[in-house]
Protein backbone atom coordinates (compact mmCIF):
# COMPACT_ATOMS: atom_id res chain seq x y z
CA MET A 1 107.39 67.42 66.27
CA THR A 2 110.43 69.63 66.91
CA VAL A 3 112.36 71.22 64.08
CA SER A 4 115.67 73.00 63.92
CA ASP A 5 116.07 76.73 64.13
CA VAL A 6 116.70 77.19 60.38
CA SER A 7 113.24 78.68 59.84
CA PRO A 8 112.29 81.82 61.84
CA PRO A 9 109.79 80.73 64.49
CA ALA A 10 106.40 82.11 65.43
CA ILE A 11 105.41 82.78 69.02
CA MET A 12 101.98 81.58 70.08
CA TRP A 13 101.04 83.59 73.16
CA PHE A 14 98.28 81.84 75.11
CA ARG A 15 96.22 84.02 77.45
CA ASN A 16 92.57 83.29 78.27
CA ASP A 17 92.42 80.67 75.50
CA LEU A 18 94.12 77.67 77.09
CA ARG A 19 93.02 75.12 74.50
CA LEU A 20 94.04 73.55 71.20
CA ALA A 21 90.56 73.24 69.64
CA ASP A 22 88.82 76.27 68.13
CA ASN A 23 91.75 78.53 68.88
CA PRO A 24 91.95 80.93 65.90
CA ALA A 25 95.36 82.26 66.88
CA LEU A 26 96.86 78.78 67.18
CA HIS A 27 95.15 77.70 63.97
CA ALA A 28 96.68 80.64 62.09
CA ALA A 29 100.09 80.10 63.66
CA ALA A 30 100.04 76.45 62.63
CA ALA A 31 98.88 77.36 59.12
CA SER A 32 101.92 79.64 58.76
CA ALA A 33 104.04 76.46 58.69
CA ARG A 34 106.54 78.16 61.01
CA PRO A 35 107.91 76.27 64.00
CA LEU A 36 106.13 77.43 67.14
CA ILE A 37 107.19 78.62 70.55
CA CYS A 38 104.15 78.33 72.81
CA VAL A 39 104.25 80.66 75.81
CA TYR A 40 102.14 81.94 78.67
CA VAL A 41 103.10 85.08 80.57
CA HIS A 42 102.19 85.39 84.22
CA GLU A 43 101.78 89.15 84.22
CA ASP A 44 102.65 91.29 87.21
CA GLY A 45 103.95 94.75 87.97
CA PRO A 46 102.44 98.19 87.30
CA GLY A 47 99.91 98.28 84.50
CA ALA A 48 99.25 94.52 84.56
CA PRO A 49 95.68 93.23 84.21
CA ARG A 50 93.70 92.62 87.37
CA PRO A 51 95.48 89.74 89.11
CA PRO A 52 93.37 86.61 89.57
CA GLY A 53 92.05 85.78 93.00
CA GLY A 54 93.05 82.75 95.02
CA ALA A 55 90.57 80.27 93.52
CA ALA A 56 91.25 81.41 89.96
CA ARG A 57 94.99 81.13 90.59
CA TRP A 58 94.43 77.54 91.72
CA TRP A 59 92.48 76.83 88.54
CA LEU A 60 95.12 78.51 86.39
CA HIS A 61 97.80 76.16 87.73
CA GLY A 62 95.83 73.14 86.56
CA ALA A 63 94.89 74.77 83.27
CA LEU A 64 98.51 75.54 82.43
CA ALA A 65 99.59 72.03 83.40
CA GLY A 66 96.83 70.59 81.21
CA LEU A 67 97.80 72.69 78.21
CA ASP A 68 101.43 71.72 78.65
CA ARG A 69 100.41 68.03 78.61
CA ALA A 70 98.36 68.55 75.47
CA LEU A 71 101.29 70.22 73.73
CA ALA A 72 103.69 67.55 74.98
CA ASN A 73 101.48 64.94 73.31
CA ARG A 74 102.19 66.82 70.06
CA GLY A 75 105.93 66.97 70.75
CA GLY A 76 105.99 70.48 72.20
CA ALA A 77 105.70 72.29 75.50
CA LEU A 78 104.17 75.37 77.12
CA HIS A 79 106.92 77.78 78.20
CA LEU A 80 106.24 80.15 81.06
CA LEU A 81 107.43 83.73 81.43
CA ARG A 82 106.88 86.18 84.24
CA GLY A 83 106.79 89.97 84.38
CA PRO A 84 105.49 92.80 82.19
CA ALA A 85 104.11 90.92 79.21
CA GLU A 86 105.06 93.35 76.46
CA GLU A 87 108.68 93.35 77.60
CA ALA A 88 108.82 89.57 78.04
CA ILE A 89 107.28 88.78 74.64
CA ALA A 90 109.29 91.42 72.76
CA ALA A 91 112.54 90.25 74.36
CA LEU A 92 111.79 86.62 73.51
CA ALA A 93 110.92 87.55 69.92
CA THR A 94 114.23 89.35 69.56
CA ALA A 95 116.23 86.54 71.17
CA VAL A 96 114.88 83.83 68.85
CA GLY A 97 114.49 85.97 65.73
CA ALA A 98 110.73 85.38 65.64
CA ALA A 99 108.85 86.29 62.48
CA ALA A 100 105.46 86.79 64.17
CA VAL A 101 103.52 86.72 67.44
CA TYR A 102 100.00 85.26 67.45
CA ARG A 103 97.41 85.86 70.18
CA CYS A 104 93.67 85.98 70.84
CA ARG A 105 92.27 89.37 71.81
CA ARG A 106 91.37 90.47 75.29
CA TYR A 107 89.06 93.31 76.23
CA ASP A 108 90.01 94.72 79.61
CA GLU A 109 91.65 98.14 79.53
CA PRO A 110 95.06 97.11 80.97
CA GLY A 111 95.21 94.14 78.59
CA ARG A 112 94.42 96.29 75.57
CA ALA A 113 97.04 98.85 76.60
CA ILE A 114 99.69 96.13 76.98
CA ASP A 115 98.83 94.72 73.58
CA ALA A 116 99.11 98.17 72.01
CA ARG A 117 102.55 98.68 73.55
CA LEU A 118 103.63 95.24 72.38
CA ASP A 119 102.47 95.99 68.85
CA ALA A 120 104.70 99.07 68.82
CA LEU A 121 107.69 97.14 70.17
CA LEU A 122 107.27 94.35 67.65
CA GLU A 123 106.76 96.73 64.74
CA ALA A 124 110.04 98.43 65.61
CA ARG A 125 111.74 95.03 65.47
CA GLY A 126 110.11 94.02 62.20
CA VAL A 127 108.03 91.30 63.84
CA ALA A 128 104.42 90.78 62.76
CA SER A 129 101.83 91.06 65.54
CA LEU A 130 98.60 89.19 64.78
CA ASP A 131 95.52 89.04 66.97
CA PHE A 132 92.29 87.08 66.58
CA SER A 133 88.82 86.85 68.05
CA GLY A 134 88.72 83.76 70.23
CA THR A 135 86.77 84.71 73.36
CA LEU A 136 83.36 85.98 72.24
CA LEU A 137 80.66 85.30 69.68
CA HIS A 138 80.92 88.88 68.41
CA GLU A 139 83.38 91.64 69.15
CA PRO A 140 82.08 94.15 71.74
CA TRP A 141 82.12 96.99 69.23
CA ALA A 142 80.31 95.00 66.55
CA VAL A 143 76.84 95.06 68.12
CA GLU A 144 75.29 98.55 68.06
CA ASN A 145 71.84 100.06 68.16
CA ARG A 146 70.26 101.82 65.21
CA SER A 147 72.01 105.05 66.16
CA GLY A 148 75.39 103.35 66.05
CA GLN A 149 75.70 103.46 69.85
CA PRO A 150 76.45 100.63 72.29
CA PHE A 151 73.60 99.07 74.23
CA ARG A 152 72.86 99.48 77.93
CA VAL A 153 69.87 97.09 78.05
CA PHE A 154 70.27 93.37 77.55
CA THR A 155 67.13 92.40 75.60
CA PRO A 156 67.68 94.72 72.60
CA PHE A 157 71.40 93.91 72.72
CA TRP A 158 70.70 90.19 72.50
CA ARG A 159 68.12 90.70 69.79
CA ALA A 160 70.65 92.66 67.71
CA SER A 161 73.32 90.07 68.41
CA ARG A 162 71.08 87.22 67.26
CA GLN A 163 70.29 89.11 64.08
CA ARG A 164 73.96 88.81 63.16
CA GLY A 165 73.39 85.09 62.77
CA ALA A 166 75.01 82.07 64.32
CA PRO A 167 78.76 82.15 64.94
CA GLY A 168 81.10 80.34 62.59
CA GLN A 169 81.76 76.66 63.06
CA PRO A 170 84.46 75.82 65.60
CA LEU A 171 87.93 75.00 64.31
CA ARG A 172 89.35 71.55 64.93
CA PRO A 173 92.71 71.27 66.67
CA PRO A 174 95.53 71.74 64.17
CA GLU A 175 96.37 68.42 62.54
CA ARG A 176 100.06 69.21 62.58
CA LEU A 177 102.14 71.32 64.91
CA SER A 178 105.88 71.80 64.61
CA PHE A 179 107.92 73.31 67.40
CA PHE A 180 111.07 75.39 67.46
CA ALA A 181 114.20 73.86 68.96
CA LEU A 182 115.10 76.41 71.64
CA PRO A 183 118.76 77.12 72.40
CA GLU A 184 119.81 76.63 75.99
CA GLU A 185 120.35 80.35 76.65
CA THR A 186 116.74 81.00 75.64
CA ARG A 187 115.41 78.23 77.85
CA ARG A 188 116.91 80.01 80.84
CA ARG A 189 114.40 82.82 80.34
CA PHE A 190 111.53 80.55 81.33
CA VAL A 191 110.26 79.70 84.79
CA GLY A 192 108.69 76.54 86.14
CA LEU A 193 104.99 76.25 86.91
CA GLY A 194 105.74 75.82 90.61
CA ASP A 195 107.71 79.08 90.57
CA LEU A 196 104.50 81.00 89.91
CA GLY A 197 103.10 80.07 93.33
CA LEU A 198 99.57 79.63 92.04
CA GLU A 199 98.44 76.79 94.30
CA PRO A 200 98.01 77.19 98.06
CA ALA A 201 100.52 75.50 100.33
CA LYS A 202 100.16 76.38 104.01
CA PRO A 203 97.29 76.23 104.62
CA ASP A 204 96.16 74.16 101.65
CA TRP A 205 92.53 75.21 101.37
CA ALA A 206 91.92 73.69 97.91
CA GLY A 207 90.96 70.13 98.86
CA GLY A 208 87.28 70.65 98.07
CA LEU A 209 88.14 72.33 94.80
CA ARG A 210 90.28 69.37 93.72
CA THR A 211 87.38 67.03 94.42
CA ALA A 212 84.93 69.17 92.47
CA TRP A 213 86.85 69.96 89.28
CA ARG A 214 89.08 68.71 86.50
CA ARG A 215 91.06 71.68 85.18
CA ASP A 216 92.03 70.80 81.60
CA GLU A 217 90.57 70.88 78.10
CA ASP A 218 89.42 67.27 78.36
CA GLY A 219 87.62 68.19 81.57
CA ALA A 220 85.85 70.98 79.70
CA ALA A 221 84.73 68.55 76.99
CA ALA A 222 83.48 66.09 79.60
CA CYS A 223 81.58 68.85 81.40
CA LEU A 224 79.92 69.92 78.16
CA ASP A 225 78.97 66.32 77.36
CA THR A 226 77.44 65.89 80.81
CA PHE A 227 75.37 69.02 80.36
CA LEU A 228 74.13 67.94 76.94
CA ASP A 229 73.18 64.50 78.27
CA HIS A 230 71.66 65.46 81.62
CA GLY A 231 71.29 69.22 82.02
CA LEU A 232 69.98 70.77 78.83
CA GLU A 233 66.63 69.05 78.90
CA GLY A 234 64.46 71.05 81.29
CA TYR A 235 67.01 73.85 81.56
CA ALA A 236 64.51 76.69 81.11
CA GLY A 237 62.36 75.59 84.02
CA GLY A 238 64.93 73.87 86.20
CA ARG A 239 67.95 76.16 86.17
CA ASP A 240 66.85 78.08 89.27
CA HIS A 241 66.30 74.97 91.40
CA MET A 242 69.34 73.99 93.43
CA ALA A 243 68.63 70.25 93.34
CA SER A 244 68.06 70.23 89.57
CA ALA A 245 70.57 68.81 87.10
CA ALA A 246 69.81 71.76 84.81
CA ILE A 247 73.14 73.51 85.31
CA SER A 248 76.12 73.49 82.99
CA ARG A 249 79.09 74.25 85.32
CA LEU A 250 80.90 75.44 82.17
CA SER A 251 81.70 78.91 83.50
CA PRO A 252 85.29 78.26 84.68
CA TYR A 253 86.14 76.50 81.42
CA LEU A 254 84.81 79.48 79.47
CA ARG A 255 86.65 81.85 81.79
CA PHE A 256 90.02 80.23 81.02
CA GLY A 257 89.17 79.41 77.43
CA GLN A 258 89.42 75.64 77.80
CA VAL A 259 86.27 75.48 75.75
CA SER A 260 85.22 78.24 73.37
CA VAL A 261 81.84 79.91 73.36
CA ARG A 262 81.48 78.82 69.71
CA GLN A 263 82.01 75.20 70.69
CA VAL A 264 79.36 75.47 73.37
CA TRP A 265 76.92 77.28 71.09
CA HIS A 266 77.12 74.74 68.30
CA ALA A 267 77.08 71.74 70.63
CA VAL A 268 73.91 72.98 72.31
CA THR A 269 72.09 73.89 69.10
CA ALA A 270 73.11 70.58 67.51
CA ALA A 271 71.83 68.63 70.51
CA ARG A 272 68.40 70.18 70.03
CA LEU A 273 68.22 68.63 66.58
CA SER A 274 69.60 65.22 67.51
CA GLU A 275 68.22 62.17 69.26
CA ARG A 276 70.76 62.72 72.00
CA SER A 277 68.58 65.19 73.88
CA ARG A 278 64.89 65.87 74.36
CA ALA A 279 65.59 69.49 75.21
CA SER A 280 62.96 71.90 74.02
CA GLU A 281 63.53 74.99 71.93
CA GLY A 282 62.84 76.99 75.08
CA ASP A 283 65.61 75.13 76.93
CA VAL A 284 68.10 75.88 74.16
CA GLU A 285 67.09 79.53 73.80
CA LYS A 286 67.32 80.11 77.54
CA PHE A 287 70.80 78.66 77.67
CA LEU A 288 71.94 80.64 74.63
CA ALA A 289 70.64 83.76 76.36
CA GLU A 290 72.97 82.96 79.26
CA LEU A 291 75.85 82.96 76.79
CA GLY A 292 74.39 86.22 75.55
CA TRP A 293 74.56 87.74 79.03
CA ARG A 294 78.26 86.91 79.09
CA GLU A 295 78.60 88.71 75.77
CA PHE A 296 76.68 91.67 77.18
CA ALA A 297 79.09 91.85 80.13
CA TYR A 298 82.04 92.25 77.75
CA HIS A 299 80.03 94.78 75.72
CA LEU A 300 79.68 96.83 78.92
CA LEU A 301 83.30 96.35 79.94
CA HIS A 302 84.41 97.76 76.63
CA GLN A 303 82.31 100.88 77.33
CA ALA A 304 83.23 101.21 81.01
CA PRO A 305 86.63 99.67 81.77
CA ASP A 306 86.43 100.44 85.51
CA LEU A 307 83.26 98.42 86.15
CA ALA A 308 84.75 96.76 89.25
CA ARG A 309 85.35 100.14 90.90
CA ARG A 310 82.76 102.63 89.64
CA ASN A 311 78.97 102.61 89.66
CA LEU A 312 77.74 102.43 86.09
CA GLN A 313 74.84 104.61 87.22
CA PRO A 314 76.47 107.69 88.80
CA ARG A 315 73.49 108.38 91.04
CA PHE A 316 74.57 105.40 93.15
CA ASP A 317 77.67 107.36 94.15
CA ALA A 318 75.36 108.99 96.71
CA MET A 319 74.32 105.68 98.28
CA ARG A 320 75.22 105.60 101.98
CA TRP A 321 76.63 102.14 102.38
CA ARG A 322 77.23 100.88 105.92
CA SER A 323 80.59 99.85 107.29
CA ASP A 324 80.22 96.69 109.36
CA GLU A 325 83.18 94.33 109.45
CA ARG A 326 81.38 91.83 111.68
CA ALA A 327 78.46 91.54 109.27
CA LEU A 328 80.80 91.24 106.27
CA ARG A 329 82.72 88.46 107.98
CA ALA A 330 79.52 86.60 108.88
CA TRP A 331 78.41 86.79 105.24
CA GLN A 332 81.78 85.57 103.97
CA ARG A 333 81.80 82.63 106.38
CA GLY A 334 78.20 81.59 105.82
CA GLU A 335 77.12 82.50 109.33
CA THR A 336 74.28 84.95 108.73
CA GLY A 337 71.52 82.81 110.22
CA TYR A 338 69.74 82.61 106.87
CA PRO A 339 70.19 78.99 105.71
CA LEU A 340 70.10 79.57 101.94
CA VAL A 341 72.61 82.42 102.15
CA ASP A 342 74.89 80.41 104.39
CA ALA A 343 74.65 77.30 102.19
CA GLY A 344 75.68 79.32 99.16
CA MET A 345 78.63 80.98 100.84
CA ARG A 346 79.87 77.65 102.18
CA GLN A 347 79.50 76.00 98.77
CA LEU A 348 81.56 78.86 97.36
CA TRP A 349 84.33 78.39 99.91
CA ALA A 350 84.39 74.60 99.54
CA THR A 351 84.22 74.31 95.73
CA GLY A 352 85.04 77.74 94.28
CA TRP A 353 81.62 77.85 92.64
CA MET A 354 78.03 78.64 93.53
CA HIS A 355 74.65 77.95 91.93
CA ASN A 356 73.56 80.97 89.89
CA ARG A 357 70.27 81.58 91.73
CA VAL A 358 72.10 81.47 95.05
CA ARG A 359 74.66 83.96 93.72
CA MET A 360 71.79 86.38 93.22
CA VAL A 361 70.39 85.74 96.69
CA THR A 362 73.72 86.08 98.48
CA ALA A 363 74.63 89.22 96.55
CA SER A 364 71.25 90.80 97.25
CA PHE A 365 71.65 89.92 100.92
CA LEU A 366 74.98 91.74 101.15
CA ALA A 367 73.92 94.86 99.27
CA LYS A 368 70.39 95.15 100.66
CA HIS A 369 69.92 93.21 103.88
CA LEU A 370 73.33 94.24 105.19
CA LEU A 371 73.52 97.50 103.19
CA LEU A 372 77.20 96.89 102.47
CA ASP A 373 78.90 98.25 99.36
CA TRP A 374 78.56 95.85 96.43
CA ARG A 375 82.30 96.26 95.81
CA GLU A 376 82.98 94.34 99.04
CA GLY A 377 81.06 91.40 97.66
CA GLU A 378 82.57 91.68 94.19
CA ALA A 379 86.05 91.52 95.71
CA TRP A 380 85.15 88.43 97.77
CA PHE A 381 83.69 86.64 94.78
CA TRP A 382 86.75 87.65 92.73
CA ASP A 383 88.96 85.92 95.28
CA THR A 384 86.86 82.80 95.86
CA LEU A 385 85.25 81.94 92.50
CA VAL A 386 87.11 79.69 90.09
CA ASP A 387 85.14 81.37 87.30
CA ALA A 388 85.77 84.97 88.43
CA ASP A 389 85.68 86.87 85.16
CA VAL A 390 86.87 90.41 84.56
CA ALA A 391 83.58 91.36 82.86
CA SER A 392 80.89 89.08 84.31
CA ASN A 393 81.83 89.43 87.98
CA PRO A 394 81.40 93.21 88.29
CA VAL A 395 78.51 93.33 85.82
CA ASN A 396 76.56 90.74 87.82
CA TRP A 397 77.25 92.49 91.11
CA GLN A 398 76.18 95.84 89.74
CA TRP A 399 73.06 94.23 88.29
CA VAL A 400 72.01 92.89 91.68
CA ALA A 401 72.93 96.10 93.51
CA GLY A 402 70.88 98.17 91.08
CA SER A 403 73.79 100.36 90.02
CA GLY A 404 74.55 98.70 86.69
CA ALA A 405 73.12 98.41 83.20
CA ASP A 406 69.68 96.86 82.84
CA ALA A 407 69.90 96.42 86.59
CA ALA A 408 67.40 94.85 88.93
CA PRO A 409 65.72 97.80 90.71
CA TYR A 410 67.29 98.45 94.08
CA PHE A 411 63.86 98.14 95.69
CA ARG A 412 63.75 94.50 94.56
CA VAL A 413 64.97 92.92 97.79
CA LEU A 414 65.15 89.15 97.44
CA ASN A 415 63.71 87.37 100.47
CA PRO A 416 66.19 84.55 101.25
CA ILE A 417 63.50 82.62 103.12
CA LEU A 418 61.02 82.58 100.26
CA GLN A 419 63.79 82.01 97.72
CA GLY A 420 64.82 78.92 99.65
CA GLU A 421 61.31 77.60 99.99
CA LYS A 422 60.67 78.09 96.27
CA PHE A 423 63.91 76.84 94.77
CA ASP A 424 65.09 74.39 97.47
CA ALA A 425 61.68 73.21 98.58
CA GLY A 426 62.92 69.94 100.04
CA GLY A 427 65.88 71.60 101.76
CA ASP A 428 68.42 69.29 100.15
CA TYR A 429 70.77 72.11 99.17
CA VAL A 430 70.79 73.53 102.68
CA ARG A 431 71.26 70.09 104.24
CA ARG A 432 74.33 69.47 102.10
CA TRP A 433 76.10 72.72 102.88
CA VAL A 434 74.74 73.53 106.35
CA PRO A 435 74.90 70.09 107.95
CA GLU A 436 74.04 71.39 111.42
CA LEU A 437 70.49 71.88 110.09
CA ALA A 438 70.33 68.54 108.24
CA CYS A 439 67.76 66.94 110.54
CA LEU A 440 65.24 69.77 110.42
CA PRO A 441 62.07 69.10 108.41
CA ALA A 442 61.64 70.91 105.11
CA ALA A 443 58.83 73.04 106.51
CA VAL A 444 61.20 74.95 108.80
CA ILE A 445 64.67 74.38 107.38
CA HIS A 446 64.71 77.77 105.66
CA ARG A 447 63.40 79.53 108.79
CA PRO A 448 64.75 77.50 111.74
CA TRP A 449 63.92 80.25 114.25
CA THR A 450 60.23 79.42 113.71
CA ALA A 451 60.69 75.76 114.63
CA GLY A 452 59.28 74.55 117.91
CA LYS A 453 61.54 73.63 120.83
CA GLU A 454 60.85 69.93 120.33
CA GLN A 455 61.66 70.15 116.60
CA LEU A 456 64.93 71.92 117.33
CA ALA A 457 65.88 69.49 120.07
CA ALA A 458 65.09 66.46 117.93
CA ALA A 459 67.27 67.91 115.14
CA GLY A 460 70.12 68.72 117.52
CA VAL A 461 69.88 72.44 116.76
CA ALA A 462 70.55 75.05 119.42
CA LEU A 463 69.94 78.45 117.84
CA GLY A 464 72.64 80.92 118.78
CA GLU A 465 74.99 78.05 119.62
CA THR A 466 75.14 75.34 116.94
CA TYR A 467 73.64 77.67 114.31
CA PRO A 468 73.38 81.47 114.48
CA LEU A 469 70.21 83.45 114.82
CA PRO A 470 69.53 85.79 111.89
CA ILE A 471 72.08 88.60 111.79
CA VAL A 472 69.31 91.01 110.90
CA ALA A 473 65.53 90.67 110.69
CA HIS A 474 64.27 90.50 107.12
CA GLU A 475 61.55 93.15 107.40
CA PHE A 476 63.83 95.58 109.23
CA ALA A 477 66.59 95.05 106.66
CA ARG A 478 64.17 95.57 103.79
CA GLU A 479 62.84 98.83 105.19
CA ARG A 480 66.35 100.06 105.95
CA ALA A 481 67.46 99.33 102.39
CA LEU A 482 64.45 101.09 100.90
CA ALA A 483 65.03 104.11 103.14
CA ALA A 484 68.67 104.30 101.97
CA TRP A 485 67.49 104.07 98.38
CA ARG A 486 64.98 106.90 98.89
CA ASP A 487 67.65 109.04 100.54
CA MET A 488 70.00 108.42 97.62
CA ARG A 489 67.37 109.50 95.12
CA ALA A 490 66.61 112.62 97.14
């Protein structure tokens, strides 16, 4: 429904909350009974938040298109702006005589600084600036230890978070939305979705991503339903196995706010009590703990805004990382000669996503087998993951590298051979993503260099030709990593 410009409008600024359901800012804006102008700002220029990588930009295009369709079904539209956000929003508010700007909070340092500058600009113009919690279960500053200090270890953090009780019930989409009739001179401020250049053109590398994902709020709901029906039962024991259905694939929808963490929480806990699922209490608690790890990442980001650049543990500043462009490129392309690592990196390139266990294995391989700086891997994942998140991505990389909070000890060097044999015992995951090894038997598919000549010939594998030999021997790499760790400590 569109109304005239008699009543001063309210601006609803969507950010990482690209949904209508359980959106506290949108709910409050609708409750104000003011006609809305719904906007998204593609932020650039000095001081802007970390720009999304290529895969996340591709996802963002679909997410914005989906939100625009959802608003169009209510008689409205999503209007796009580009540039420094505080200037764009303040100028729009002045041009339309807005009474208020509504938004959900964000927690990265550049985003918080922009919001603070916008608050000052709006206050000077007599425009109310209202922000809401729409991304997390609890605000990062709300969970503290008994001394009133933030946590650095996950288990006590999660225990304290759970003691705060379950989150509030999700909000339904507003029953009624009215939209402001924009004058033509104001419409000229906006840009088209295609003008943002979010999707690849030449070359168009996103074909596999399009096959794998649906990028709107309805897609998020369908993904959650699929998980409740097929993935939650057995999650605790099956989540590490690549062929298991015990995965949620909700991470990109959470990243862009197409489903809220409250919606997921309550859907999962309700499923445990219904006939819909035979999931155990252990399955539910394990999954909720994964949501808790996401919360912990934002808790850490709030303490250390430069997590993507700086070791959380300063002693790792002395680590002597290697510089090896050839090895980095082999890792990125999935050509290391270790089938599980290569399968994961190829899945990432094809779909913009990777199984969580394989993320750990591939990250450990880069930081420990190759002894390359974890920041190289974090940057690659930032560019290639559709769910690349400003908090989770660096926190997870630092955890694997040993330099972060509650980190896996650096001397824990994951063996990609044994990891494959344990969690992809039949070799199905490797066969899907490394098809040149598809005809090898399971007994040797994770260590093809141990196969006999007749086995290799029968499978059509020529090591060093159709599939690379290992880029580095596991035992040598392990000892080299441990020696570097001992030198750092010394």
